[in-house]
Amino acid sequence: MKMRQWGRMTGKWSLSFWFCGISFLLPCLVSAHGVGSRGLDEGKKIYRSNCAVCHGVDGRGDGRGARHLNPPVPDFTRPGFLKGKSDSYLFHLISNGIEDMPGWSDKLAPGQITDVLHYLRSLAAPAKDIRPASPDGLSGG
């Protein structure tokens, strides 16, 4: 009988420790993956020191290393350029490289790659919501 009570107690205790652990670690996990200004700042630093040479300081694809690359380096600031590209797809490209771009998984930790990814998304201009004009000349809505 005492053994059963002990089992229930340890079950309750382990569950409460588990919840405490999750609530303690969750802010660390979120900030490590670029959600918030700290992740964006880290992503910007990493981008500027590793990616800007080709992709340009502002992400326009105009870095000095991009001059002779074919296909041309993309302009991340072009409206809607990153729209429809999932985080996992971009993570894969940054990690493994594509065309002349090297992969970064051997130099950057997964959290750093995610920070860069979130920084890239911050560079992109939002896609314009283009609606057909209504008969009276005003935009639809």
N, C-alpha and C. Protein backbone atom coordinates (compact mmCIF):
# COMPACT_ATOMS: atom_id res chain seq x y z
N MET A 1 0.81 -1.19 0.00
CA MET A 1 0.00 0.00 0.00
C MET A 1 0.86 1.26 0.00
N LYS A 2 1.88 1.28 0.84
CA LYS A 2 2.76 2.44 0.86
C LYS A 2 3.48 2.60 -0.48
N MET A 3 3.77 1.50 -1.12
CA MET A 3 4.46 1.56 -2.41
C MET A 3 3.58 2.24 -3.46
N ARG A 4 2.27 1.94 -3.45
CA ARG A 4 1.36 2.57 -4.40
C ARG A 4 1.27 4.07 -4.15
N GLN A 5 1.19 4.48 -2.91
CA GLN A 5 1.13 5.89 -2.58
C GLN A 5 2.42 6.58 -3.03
N TRP A 6 3.55 5.95 -2.82
CA TRP A 6 4.82 6.52 -3.24
C TRP A 6 4.85 6.68 -4.77
N GLY A 7 4.32 5.70 -5.46
CA GLY A 7 4.26 5.77 -6.92
C GLY A 7 3.42 6.94 -7.40
N ARG A 8 2.28 7.17 -6.74
CA ARG A 8 1.45 8.31 -7.10
C ARG A 8 2.15 9.63 -6.79
N MET A 9 2.83 9.67 -5.68
CA MET A 9 3.54 10.88 -5.30
C MET A 9 4.66 11.20 -6.29
N THR A 10 5.45 10.19 -6.63
CA THR A 10 6.55 10.46 -7.56
C THR A 10 6.00 10.84 -8.92
N GLY A 11 4.87 10.28 -9.31
CA GLY A 11 4.25 10.67 -10.57
C GLY A 11 3.84 12.13 -10.58
N LYS A 12 3.23 12.56 -9.47
CA LYS A 12 2.82 13.96 -9.36
C LYS A 12 4.03 14.87 -9.32
N TRP A 13 5.05 14.48 -8.58
CA TRP A 13 6.25 15.30 -8.48
C TRP A 13 6.97 15.39 -9.81
N SER A 14 7.08 14.26 -10.50
CA SER A 14 7.81 14.31 -11.77
C SER A 14 7.05 15.15 -12.78
N LEU A 15 5.72 15.09 -12.75
CA LEU A 15 4.93 15.90 -13.66
C LEU A 15 5.11 17.39 -13.35
N SER A 16 5.12 17.75 -12.08
CA SER A 16 5.29 19.16 -11.73
C SER A 16 6.70 19.64 -12.06
N PHE A 17 7.71 18.79 -11.88
CA PHE A 17 9.07 19.17 -12.27
C PHE A 17 9.16 19.35 -13.78
N TRP A 18 8.47 18.49 -14.51
CA TRP A 18 8.47 18.58 -15.97
C TRP A 18 7.88 19.91 -16.41
N PHE A 19 6.72 20.31 -15.84
CA PHE A 19 6.10 21.58 -16.19
C PHE A 19 7.00 22.76 -15.82
N CYS A 20 7.64 22.69 -14.66
CA CYS A 20 8.56 23.76 -14.26
C CYS A 20 9.73 23.84 -15.23
N GLY A 21 10.24 22.71 -15.62
CA GLY A 21 11.36 22.69 -16.57
C GLY A 21 10.97 23.30 -17.90
N ILE A 22 9.80 22.96 -18.41
CA ILE A 22 9.34 23.51 -19.68
C ILE A 22 9.14 25.02 -19.56
N SER A 23 8.49 25.47 -18.49
CA SER A 23 8.25 26.90 -18.35
C SER A 23 9.55 27.67 -18.16
N PHE A 24 10.58 27.04 -17.59
CA PHE A 24 11.88 27.68 -17.43
C PHE A 24 12.64 27.72 -18.75
N LEU A 25 12.59 26.63 -19.51
CA LEU A 25 13.36 26.54 -20.75
C LEU A 25 12.72 27.21 -21.94
N LEU A 26 11.40 27.34 -21.95
CA LEU A 26 10.72 27.87 -23.12
C LEU A 26 11.23 29.24 -23.55
N PRO A 27 11.40 30.21 -22.64
CA PRO A 27 11.94 31.50 -23.09
C PRO A 27 13.32 31.37 -23.71
N CYS A 28 14.15 30.47 -23.20
CA CYS A 28 15.50 30.28 -23.76
C CYS A 28 15.41 29.71 -25.16
N LEU A 29 14.53 28.73 -25.37
CA LEU A 29 14.39 28.12 -26.69
C LEU A 29 13.86 29.12 -27.70
N VAL A 30 12.89 29.93 -27.30
CA VAL A 30 12.31 30.89 -28.22
C VAL A 30 13.34 31.94 -28.61
N SER A 31 14.07 32.50 -27.65
CA SER A 31 15.03 33.54 -27.98
C SER A 31 16.22 32.98 -28.75
N ALA A 32 16.55 31.71 -28.54
CA ALA A 32 17.68 31.13 -29.26
C ALA A 32 17.35 30.95 -30.73
N HIS A 33 16.08 30.95 -31.09
CA HIS A 33 15.72 30.74 -32.48
C HIS A 33 15.21 32.00 -33.16
N GLY A 34 15.65 33.14 -32.70
CA GLY A 34 15.43 34.36 -33.45
C GLY A 34 14.08 35.02 -33.30
N VAL A 35 13.28 34.61 -32.36
CA VAL A 35 12.02 35.29 -32.16
C VAL A 35 12.29 36.42 -31.19
N GLY A 36 12.16 37.63 -31.65
CA GLY A 36 12.44 38.78 -30.81
C GLY A 36 13.67 39.52 -31.29
N SER A 37 13.91 40.67 -30.69
CA SER A 37 14.99 41.54 -31.15
C SER A 37 16.37 40.95 -30.92
N ARG A 38 16.55 40.18 -29.85
CA ARG A 38 17.86 39.59 -29.59
C ARG A 38 18.26 38.64 -30.72
N GLY A 39 17.34 37.80 -31.17
CA GLY A 39 17.62 36.89 -32.27
C GLY A 39 17.88 37.63 -33.56
N LEU A 40 17.11 38.71 -33.80
CA LEU A 40 17.33 39.52 -35.01
C LEU A 40 18.70 40.19 -34.97
N ASP A 41 19.08 40.69 -33.80
CA ASP A 41 20.40 41.32 -33.68
C ASP A 41 21.52 40.32 -33.94
N GLU A 42 21.38 39.12 -33.38
CA GLU A 42 22.38 38.08 -33.62
C GLU A 42 22.40 37.68 -35.09
N GLY A 43 21.22 37.53 -35.68
CA GLY A 43 21.13 37.20 -37.10
C GLY A 43 21.78 38.25 -37.97
N LYS A 44 21.59 39.51 -37.62
CA LYS A 44 22.19 40.62 -38.38
C LYS A 44 23.72 40.56 -38.29
N LYS A 45 24.24 40.32 -37.10
CA LYS A 45 25.71 40.23 -36.93
C LYS A 45 26.28 39.09 -37.76
N ILE A 46 25.64 37.93 -37.68
CA ILE A 46 26.11 36.76 -38.43
C ILE A 46 26.01 37.03 -39.93
N TYR A 47 24.89 37.59 -40.36
CA TYR A 47 24.69 37.92 -41.77
C TYR A 47 25.77 38.87 -42.26
N ARG A 48 25.99 39.94 -41.52
CA ARG A 48 26.96 40.96 -41.95
C ARG A 48 28.38 40.40 -42.02
N SER A 49 28.73 39.48 -41.13
CA SER A 49 30.09 38.96 -41.15
C SER A 49 30.29 37.81 -42.12
N ASN A 50 29.22 37.12 -42.53
CA ASN A 50 29.37 35.95 -43.39
C ASN A 50 28.69 36.05 -44.74
N CYS A 51 27.59 36.76 -44.83
CA CYS A 51 26.75 36.73 -46.03
C CYS A 51 26.81 38.01 -46.86
N ALA A 52 27.08 39.13 -46.19
CA ALA A 52 27.00 40.44 -46.86
C ALA A 52 28.00 40.59 -47.99
N VAL A 53 29.09 39.85 -47.96
CA VAL A 53 30.09 39.97 -49.02
C VAL A 53 29.47 39.67 -50.39
N CYS A 54 28.53 38.77 -50.46
CA CYS A 54 27.84 38.47 -51.72
C CYS A 54 26.43 39.06 -51.76
N HIS A 55 25.69 38.90 -50.67
CA HIS A 55 24.28 39.31 -50.66
C HIS A 55 24.11 40.80 -50.40
N GLY A 56 25.18 41.51 -50.07
CA GLY A 56 25.11 42.94 -49.81
C GLY A 56 24.71 43.23 -48.38
N VAL A 57 25.16 44.36 -47.89
CA VAL A 57 24.90 44.75 -46.50
C VAL A 57 23.40 44.83 -46.22
N ASP A 58 22.64 45.32 -47.18
CA ASP A 58 21.19 45.48 -47.00
C ASP A 58 20.38 44.35 -47.63
N GLY A 59 21.05 43.30 -48.13
CA GLY A 59 20.34 42.16 -48.69
C GLY A 59 19.86 42.34 -50.12
N ARG A 60 20.41 43.31 -50.84
CA ARG A 60 19.96 43.60 -52.19
C ARG A 60 20.68 42.78 -53.27
N GLY A 61 21.60 41.91 -52.85
CA GLY A 61 22.32 41.09 -53.82
C GLY A 61 23.42 41.83 -54.53
N ASP A 62 23.88 42.91 -53.93
CA ASP A 62 24.87 43.77 -54.58
C ASP A 62 26.24 43.77 -53.89
N GLY A 63 26.56 42.70 -53.19
CA GLY A 63 27.86 42.61 -52.54
C GLY A 63 28.98 42.46 -53.56
N ARG A 64 30.19 42.84 -53.19
CA ARG A 64 31.31 42.78 -54.15
C ARG A 64 31.60 41.35 -54.60
N GLY A 65 31.27 40.35 -53.79
CA GLY A 65 31.50 38.97 -54.17
C GLY A 65 30.48 38.42 -55.15
N ALA A 66 29.41 39.18 -55.41
CA ALA A 66 28.33 38.70 -56.28
C ALA A 66 28.54 39.07 -57.73
N ARG A 67 29.52 39.89 -58.02
CA ARG A 67 29.68 40.44 -59.37
C ARG A 67 29.79 39.38 -60.47
N HIS A 68 30.45 38.29 -60.18
CA HIS A 68 30.70 37.30 -61.22
C HIS A 68 29.93 36.00 -61.01
N LEU A 69 28.95 36.02 -60.17
CA LEU A 69 28.18 34.80 -59.91
C LEU A 69 27.02 34.66 -60.89
N ASN A 70 26.83 33.43 -61.33
CA ASN A 70 25.73 33.14 -62.23
C ASN A 70 25.07 31.86 -61.76
N PRO A 71 23.83 31.84 -61.37
CA PRO A 71 22.85 32.91 -61.49
C PRO A 71 23.13 34.04 -60.51
N PRO A 72 22.57 35.21 -60.77
CA PRO A 72 22.80 36.36 -59.89
C PRO A 72 22.30 36.09 -58.47
N VAL A 73 22.89 36.78 -57.54
CA VAL A 73 22.50 36.68 -56.13
C VAL A 73 21.14 37.36 -55.97
N PRO A 74 20.21 36.73 -55.25
CA PRO A 74 18.86 37.31 -55.13
C PRO A 74 18.83 38.57 -54.28
N ASP A 75 17.84 39.39 -54.54
CA ASP A 75 17.56 40.60 -53.77
C ASP A 75 16.51 40.25 -52.74
N PHE A 76 16.91 40.12 -51.48
CA PHE A 76 15.99 39.72 -50.41
C PHE A 76 14.98 40.82 -50.09
N THR A 77 15.25 42.05 -50.52
CA THR A 77 14.34 43.15 -50.20
C THR A 77 13.21 43.29 -51.23
N ARG A 78 13.29 42.55 -52.32
CA ARG A 78 12.24 42.62 -53.35
C ARG A 78 10.90 42.20 -52.73
N PRO A 79 9.86 43.00 -52.92
CA PRO A 79 8.57 42.68 -52.31
C PRO A 79 8.11 41.26 -52.63
N GLY A 80 7.80 40.53 -51.59
CA GLY A 80 7.27 39.18 -51.74
C GLY A 80 8.28 38.12 -52.12
N PHE A 81 9.59 38.46 -52.19
CA PHE A 81 10.58 37.48 -52.64
C PHE A 81 10.58 36.23 -51.77
N LEU A 82 10.51 36.39 -50.46
CA LEU A 82 10.56 35.25 -49.56
C LEU A 82 9.18 34.65 -49.28
N LYS A 83 8.14 35.30 -49.79
CA LYS A 83 6.79 34.79 -49.56
C LYS A 83 6.65 33.42 -50.22
N GLY A 84 6.08 32.49 -49.49
CA GLY A 84 5.90 31.14 -50.02
C GLY A 84 7.09 30.23 -49.81
N LYS A 85 8.19 30.77 -49.32
CA LYS A 85 9.37 29.95 -49.02
C LYS A 85 9.34 29.66 -47.52
N SER A 86 9.20 28.39 -47.17
CA SER A 86 9.07 28.01 -45.76
C SER A 86 10.39 28.19 -45.03
N ASP A 87 10.29 28.30 -43.72
CA ASP A 87 11.49 28.39 -42.89
C ASP A 87 12.35 27.15 -43.06
N SER A 88 11.73 25.98 -43.17
CA SER A 88 12.53 24.76 -43.32
C SER A 88 13.27 24.74 -44.65
N TYR A 89 12.65 25.27 -45.70
CA TYR A 89 13.32 25.35 -47.01
C TYR A 89 14.52 26.30 -46.93
N LEU A 90 14.31 27.48 -46.35
CA LEU A 90 15.40 28.45 -46.23
C LEU A 90 16.50 27.93 -45.31
N PHE A 91 16.11 27.26 -44.23
CA PHE A 91 17.10 26.66 -43.32
C PHE A 91 17.96 25.66 -44.09
N HIS A 92 17.32 24.84 -44.92
CA HIS A 92 18.03 23.85 -45.74
C HIS A 92 19.01 24.54 -46.69
N LEU A 93 18.57 25.61 -47.36
CA LEU A 93 19.45 26.32 -48.29
C LEU A 93 20.66 26.93 -47.58
N ILE A 94 20.41 27.56 -46.46
CA ILE A 94 21.52 28.18 -45.71
C ILE A 94 22.46 27.09 -45.19
N SER A 95 21.92 26.01 -44.70
CA SER A 95 22.75 24.93 -44.14
C SER A 95 23.59 24.24 -45.20
N ASN A 96 22.97 23.92 -46.34
CA ASN A 96 23.63 23.09 -47.35
C ASN A 96 24.15 23.84 -48.55
N GLY A 97 23.74 25.09 -48.74
CA GLY A 97 24.18 25.86 -49.88
C GLY A 97 23.37 25.55 -51.13
N ILE A 98 23.60 26.35 -52.14
CA ILE A 98 22.94 26.16 -53.43
C ILE A 98 23.78 26.88 -54.48
N GLU A 99 23.92 26.25 -55.65
CA GLU A 99 24.73 26.82 -56.74
C GLU A 99 26.12 27.17 -56.20
N ASP A 100 26.52 28.46 -56.33
CA ASP A 100 27.85 28.89 -55.87
C ASP A 100 27.90 29.22 -54.37
N MET A 101 26.74 29.27 -53.72
CA MET A 101 26.71 29.59 -52.29
C MET A 101 27.10 28.36 -51.48
N PRO A 102 28.08 28.52 -50.59
CA PRO A 102 28.47 27.38 -49.74
C PRO A 102 27.44 27.13 -48.65
N GLY A 103 27.44 25.93 -48.14
CA GLY A 103 26.62 25.60 -46.98
C GLY A 103 27.29 26.11 -45.71
N TRP A 104 26.49 26.46 -44.74
CA TRP A 104 27.01 27.04 -43.51
C TRP A 104 26.86 26.14 -42.29
N SER A 105 26.36 24.92 -42.47
CA SER A 105 26.10 24.05 -41.32
C SER A 105 27.38 23.64 -40.59
N ASP A 106 28.52 23.69 -41.26
CA ASP A 106 29.76 23.33 -40.59
C ASP A 106 30.37 24.51 -39.83
N LYS A 107 29.85 25.72 -40.04
CA LYS A 107 30.39 26.90 -39.36
C LYS A 107 29.40 27.54 -38.38
N LEU A 108 28.10 27.30 -38.60
CA LEU A 108 27.08 27.92 -37.76
C LEU A 108 26.23 26.85 -37.08
N ALA A 109 25.86 27.11 -35.85
CA ALA A 109 24.95 26.22 -35.11
C ALA A 109 23.54 26.39 -35.67
N PRO A 110 22.68 25.39 -35.49
CA PRO A 110 21.30 25.51 -35.99
C PRO A 110 20.58 26.76 -35.51
N GLY A 111 20.77 27.15 -34.26
CA GLY A 111 20.13 28.37 -33.75
C GLY A 111 20.64 29.62 -34.45
N GLN A 112 21.92 29.63 -34.81
CA GLN A 112 22.49 30.77 -35.53
C GLN A 112 21.91 30.85 -36.95
N ILE A 113 21.76 29.70 -37.59
CA ILE A 113 21.17 29.68 -38.93
C ILE A 113 19.73 30.19 -38.86
N THR A 114 19.01 29.80 -37.83
CA THR A 114 17.64 30.27 -37.66
C THR A 114 17.61 31.76 -37.42
N ASP A 115 18.56 32.30 -36.66
CA ASP A 115 18.64 33.75 -36.44
C ASP A 115 18.87 34.47 -37.76
N VAL A 116 19.75 33.94 -38.60
CA VAL A 116 20.00 34.55 -39.91
C VAL A 116 18.73 34.50 -40.76
N LEU A 117 18.05 33.39 -40.73
CA LEU A 117 16.82 33.22 -41.48
C LEU A 117 15.78 34.27 -41.07
N HIS A 118 15.62 34.49 -39.77
CA HIS A 118 14.66 35.49 -39.30
C HIS A 118 15.12 36.90 -39.69
N TYR A 119 16.43 37.13 -39.68
CA TYR A 119 16.93 38.43 -40.11
C TYR A 119 16.63 38.65 -41.59
N LEU A 120 16.82 37.61 -42.41
CA LEU A 120 16.50 37.73 -43.83
C LEU A 120 15.03 38.09 -44.03
N ARG A 121 14.17 37.47 -43.26
CA ARG A 121 12.74 37.78 -43.38
C ARG A 121 12.46 39.24 -42.99
N SER A 122 13.24 39.79 -42.08
CA SER A 122 13.03 41.18 -41.68
C SER A 122 13.46 42.15 -42.77
N LEU A 123 14.31 41.71 -43.69
CA LEU A 123 14.77 42.58 -44.79
C LEU A 123 13.72 42.71 -45.89
N ALA A 124 12.92 41.69 -46.04
CA ALA A 124 11.98 41.64 -47.15
C ALA A 124 10.87 42.66 -47.01
N ALA A 125 10.61 43.37 -48.08
CA ALA A 125 9.48 44.28 -48.11
C ALA A 125 8.22 43.42 -48.24
N PRO A 126 7.16 43.79 -47.57
CA PRO A 126 5.94 42.97 -47.67
C PRO A 126 5.39 43.01 -49.09
N ALA A 127 4.80 41.91 -49.50
CA ALA A 127 4.17 41.85 -50.82
C ALA A 127 2.96 42.77 -50.82
N LYS A 128 2.79 43.48 -51.88
CA LYS A 128 1.64 44.38 -51.99
C LYS A 128 0.37 43.56 -52.17
N ASP A 129 -0.68 44.00 -51.51
CA ASP A 129 -1.98 43.36 -51.67
C ASP A 129 -2.65 44.04 -52.85
N ILE A 130 -2.56 43.42 -54.00
CA ILE A 130 -3.10 44.03 -55.22
C ILE A 130 -4.52 43.54 -55.42
N ARG A 131 -5.45 44.46 -55.42
CA ARG A 131 -6.85 44.14 -55.64
C ARG A 131 -7.33 44.90 -56.87
N PRO A 132 -8.20 44.31 -57.61
CA PRO A 132 -8.71 45.03 -58.78
C PRO A 132 -9.50 46.26 -58.34
N ALA A 133 -9.41 47.30 -59.15
CA ALA A 133 -10.14 48.53 -58.83
C ALA A 133 -11.63 48.30 -58.99
N SER A 134 -12.39 48.94 -58.14
CA SER A 134 -13.85 48.85 -58.25
C SER A 134 -14.31 49.78 -59.37
N PRO A 135 -15.52 49.63 -59.84
CA PRO A 135 -16.02 50.45 -60.95
C PRO A 135 -15.95 51.96 -60.69
N ASP A 136 -16.01 52.36 -59.41
CA ASP A 136 -15.97 53.80 -59.12
C ASP A 136 -14.56 54.35 -59.05
N GLY A 137 -13.54 53.50 -59.34
CA GLY A 137 -12.15 53.97 -59.36
C GLY A 137 -11.42 53.80 -58.05
N LEU A 138 -12.14 53.44 -57.00
CA LEU A 138 -11.51 53.24 -55.70
C LEU A 138 -11.08 51.79 -55.61
N SER A 139 -10.07 51.52 -54.78
CA SER A 139 -9.64 50.14 -54.65
C SER A 139 -10.71 49.33 -53.97
N GLY A 140 -10.74 48.03 -54.31
CA GLY A 140 -11.74 47.14 -53.72
C GLY A 140 -11.58 46.99 -52.23
N GLY A 141 -12.60 46.55 -51.54
CA GLY A 141 -12.42 46.37 -50.11
C GLY A 141 -13.63 46.09 -49.38
